[in-house]
């Protein structure tokens, strides 16, 4: 009888441990990249751009703004030609309807 009791207690512990948290909100991946448009590159020695912060949100909801990058990043656009890109942000965010990006 003791063995059966231990068996059911062990089975119950395994069942509880295998339960997942289904209440977590779904997430998506957001990647923001920087590139340069084609132009006459021989006219410039450098074309640097500094981005301090990136926020995304929904235009209809002013409280929906989420900061996805808060560190300063400087890139020379002349190094980002012929399809070369610089990844500024690659992060997971809660799924939603985002139609606004502030840089």
C-alpha atoms as a PDB file:
ATOM      1  CA  UNK A   1       0.000   0.000   0.000  1.00  0.00           C
ATOM      2  CA  UNK A   2       2.909   2.356   0.768  1.00  0.00           C
ATOM      3  CA  UNK A   3       4.366   1.747  -2.690  1.00  0.00           C
ATOM      4  CA  UNK A   4       1.101   2.711  -4.369  1.00  0.00           C
ATOM      5  CA  UNK A   5       0.912   5.907  -2.317  1.00  0.00           C
ATOM      6  CA  UNK A   6       4.488   6.855  -3.317  1.00  0.00           C
ATOM      7  CA  UNK A   7       3.683   6.021  -6.935  1.00  0.00           C
ATOM      8  CA  UNK A   8       0.702   8.398  -7.013  1.00  0.00           C
ATOM      9  CA  UNK A   9       2.596  11.157  -5.191  1.00  0.00           C
ATOM     10  CA  UNK A  10       5.441  10.835  -7.715  1.00  0.00           C
ATOM     11  CA  UNK A  11       2.951  10.837 -10.597  1.00  0.00           C
ATOM     12  CA  UNK A  12       1.292  13.959  -9.190  1.00  0.00           C
ATOM     13  CA  UNK A  13       4.644  15.752  -8.830  1.00  0.00           C
ATOM     14  CA  UNK A  14       5.571  14.908 -12.430  1.00  0.00           C
ATOM     15  CA  UNK A  15       2.207  16.178 -13.672  1.00  0.00           C
ATOM     16  CA  UNK A  16       2.554  19.467 -11.787  1.00  0.00           C
ATOM     17  CA  UNK A  17       6.153  19.971 -12.942  1.00  0.00           C
ATOM     18  CA  UNK A  18       5.220  19.398 -16.577  1.00  0.00           C
ATOM     19  CA  UNK A  19       2.490  22.043 -16.611  1.00  0.00           C
ATOM     20  CA  UNK A  20       3.368  25.129 -18.610  1.00  0.00           C
ATOM     21  CA  UNK A  21       2.434  28.732 -17.990  1.00  0.00           C
ATOM     22  CA  UNK A  22      -0.250  29.308 -20.638  1.00  0.00           C
ATOM     23  CA  UNK A  23      -1.049  32.764 -19.274  1.00  0.00           C
ATOM     24  CA  UNK A  24       2.145  34.266 -20.730  1.00  0.00           C
ATOM     25  CA  UNK A  25       1.479  36.752 -23.492  1.00  0.00           C
ATOM     26  CA  UNK A  26       2.756  35.799 -26.962  1.00  0.00           C
ATOM     27  CA  UNK A  27       5.947  37.452 -28.156  1.00  0.00           C
ATOM     28  CA  UNK A  28       7.426  38.288 -31.519  1.00  0.00           C
ATOM     29  CA  UNK A  29      10.909  39.207 -32.702  1.00  0.00           C
ATOM     30  CA  UNK A  30      11.707  42.699 -33.959  1.00  0.00           C
ATOM     31  CA  UNK A  31      14.873  43.446 -35.909  1.00  0.00           C
ATOM     32  CA  UNK A  32      15.798  47.012 -36.937  1.00  0.00           C
ATOM     33  CA  UNK A  33      18.632  47.380 -39.425  1.00  0.00           C
ATOM     34  CA  UNK A  34      20.435  50.386 -40.894  1.00  0.00           C
ATOM     35  CA  UNK A  35      21.607  50.667 -44.511  1.00  0.00           C
ATOM     36  CA  UNK A  36      22.489  53.385 -47.007  1.00  0.00           C
ATOM     37  CA  UNK A  37      20.781  54.315 -50.260  1.00  0.00           C
ATOM     38  CA  UNK A  38      22.806  54.236 -53.507  1.00  0.00           C
ATOM     39  CA  UNK A  39      24.538  57.514 -54.335  1.00  0.00           C
ATOM     40  CA  UNK A  40      27.882  58.956 -55.537  1.00  0.00           C
ATOM     41  CA  UNK A  41      30.064  57.819 -52.648  1.00  0.00           C
ATOM     42  CA  UNK A  42      33.254  59.381 -54.012  1.00  0.00           C
ATOM     43  CA  UNK A  43      31.932  62.843 -53.079  1.00  0.00           C
ATOM     44  CA  UNK A  44      32.158  62.158 -49.314  1.00  0.00           C
ATOM     45  CA  UNK A  45      34.800  60.997 -46.854  1.00  0.00           C
ATOM     46  CA  UNK A  46      32.266  59.992 -44.223  1.00  0.00           C
ATOM     47  CA  UNK A  47      28.567  60.205 -43.515  1.00  0.00           C
ATOM     48  CA  UNK A  48      28.058  59.359 -39.861  1.00  0.00           C
ATOM     49  CA  UNK A  49      24.693  59.076 -38.176  1.00  0.00           C
ATOM     50  CA  UNK A  50      24.141  58.758 -34.422  1.00  0.00           C
ATOM     51  CA  UNK A  51      20.979  57.189 -33.045  1.00  0.00           C
ATOM     52  CA  UNK A  52      20.392  57.586 -29.314  1.00  0.00           C
ATOM     53  CA  UNK A  53      17.022  55.921 -28.773  1.00  0.00           C
ATOM     54  CA  UNK A  54      14.397  53.894 -30.649  1.00  0.00           C
ATOM     55  CA  UNK A  55      10.780  53.605 -29.504  1.00  0.00           C
ATOM     56  CA  UNK A  56       7.834  51.818 -31.080  1.00  0.00           C
ATOM     57  CA  UNK A  57       4.135  52.170 -30.393  1.00  0.00           C
ATOM     58  CA  UNK A  58       0.626  52.448 -31.727  1.00  0.00           C
ATOM     59  CA  UNK A  59      -0.433  55.804 -33.124  1.00  0.00           C
ATOM     60  CA  UNK A  60      -3.967  55.387 -31.738  1.00  0.00           C
ATOM     61  CA  UNK A  61      -2.745  54.702 -28.166  1.00  0.00           C
ATOM     62  CA  UNK A  62      -0.301  57.251 -26.765  1.00  0.00           C
ATOM     63  CA  UNK A  63       0.503  55.005 -23.771  1.00  0.00           C
ATOM     64  CA  UNK A  64       1.699  52.146 -25.972  1.00  0.00           C
ATOM     65  CA  UNK A  65       5.255  53.445 -26.515  1.00  0.00           C
ATOM     66  CA  UNK A  66       7.967  50.864 -25.776  1.00  0.00           C
ATOM     67  CA  UNK A  67      11.689  51.694 -25.749  1.00  0.00           C
ATOM     68  CA  UNK A  68      13.560  49.012 -27.681  1.00  0.00           C
ATOM     69  CA  UNK A  69      16.998  50.696 -27.734  1.00  0.00           C
ATOM     70  CA  UNK A  70      18.315  53.214 -25.237  1.00  0.00           C
ATOM     71  CA  UNK A  71      22.050  53.273 -25.987  1.00  0.00           C
ATOM     72  CA  UNK A  72      23.803  55.603 -28.399  1.00  0.00           C
ATOM     73  CA  UNK A  73      25.011  54.032 -31.668  1.00  0.00           C
ATOM     74  CA  UNK A  74      27.102  55.781 -34.348  1.00  0.00           C
ATOM     75  CA  UNK A  75      27.539  54.347 -37.851  1.00  0.00           C
ATOM     76  CA  UNK A  76      29.330  55.593 -40.947  1.00  0.00           C
ATOM     77  CA  UNK A  77      26.804  55.142 -43.747  1.00  0.00           C
ATOM     78  CA  UNK A  78      29.590  54.862 -46.327  1.00  0.00           C
ATOM     79  CA  UNK A  79      30.461  51.491 -44.770  1.00  0.00           C
ATOM     80  CA  UNK A  80      26.885  50.274 -45.319  1.00  0.00           C
ATOM     81  CA  UNK A  81      26.759  49.985 -49.109  1.00  0.00           C
ATOM     82  CA  UNK A  82      25.973  47.180 -51.563  1.00  0.00           C
ATOM     83  CA  UNK A  83      23.536  45.441 -49.241  1.00  0.00           C
ATOM     84  CA  UNK A  84      25.648  45.648 -46.081  1.00  0.00           C
ATOM     85  CA  UNK A  85      23.512  46.432 -43.023  1.00  0.00           C
ATOM     86  CA  UNK A  86      24.132  47.189 -39.363  1.00  0.00           C
ATOM     87  CA  UNK A  87      21.754  45.632 -36.851  1.00  0.00           C
ATOM     88  CA  UNK A  88      20.623  48.281 -34.396  1.00  0.00           C
ATOM     89  CA  UNK A  89      18.072  46.178 -32.495  1.00  0.00           C
ATOM     90  CA  UNK A  90      17.200  42.498 -32.414  1.00  0.00           C
ATOM     91  CA  UNK A  91      14.806  41.880 -29.527  1.00  0.00           C
ATOM     92  CA  UNK A  92      11.661  40.096 -28.430  1.00  0.00           C
ATOM     93  CA  UNK A  93       8.586  42.249 -27.870  1.00  0.00           C
ATOM     94  CA  UNK A  94       5.021  41.510 -26.853  1.00  0.00           C
ATOM     95  CA  UNK A  95       2.863  40.956 -29.907  1.00  0.00           C
ATOM     96  CA  UNK A  96       0.692  43.892 -30.841  1.00  0.00           C
ATOM     97  CA  UNK A  97      -0.249  46.402 -33.488  1.00  0.00           C
ATOM     98  CA  UNK A  98       2.734  48.746 -33.859  1.00  0.00           C
ATOM     99  CA  UNK A  99       2.554  51.437 -36.540  1.00  0.00           C
ATOM    100  CA  UNK A 100       4.870  54.111 -35.139  1.00  0.00           C
ATOM    101  CA  UNK A 101       8.658  54.201 -34.706  1.00  0.00           C
ATOM    102  CA  UNK A 102      10.474  57.132 -33.134  1.00  0.00           C
ATOM    103  CA  UNK A 103      14.207  57.350 -33.778  1.00  0.00           C
END
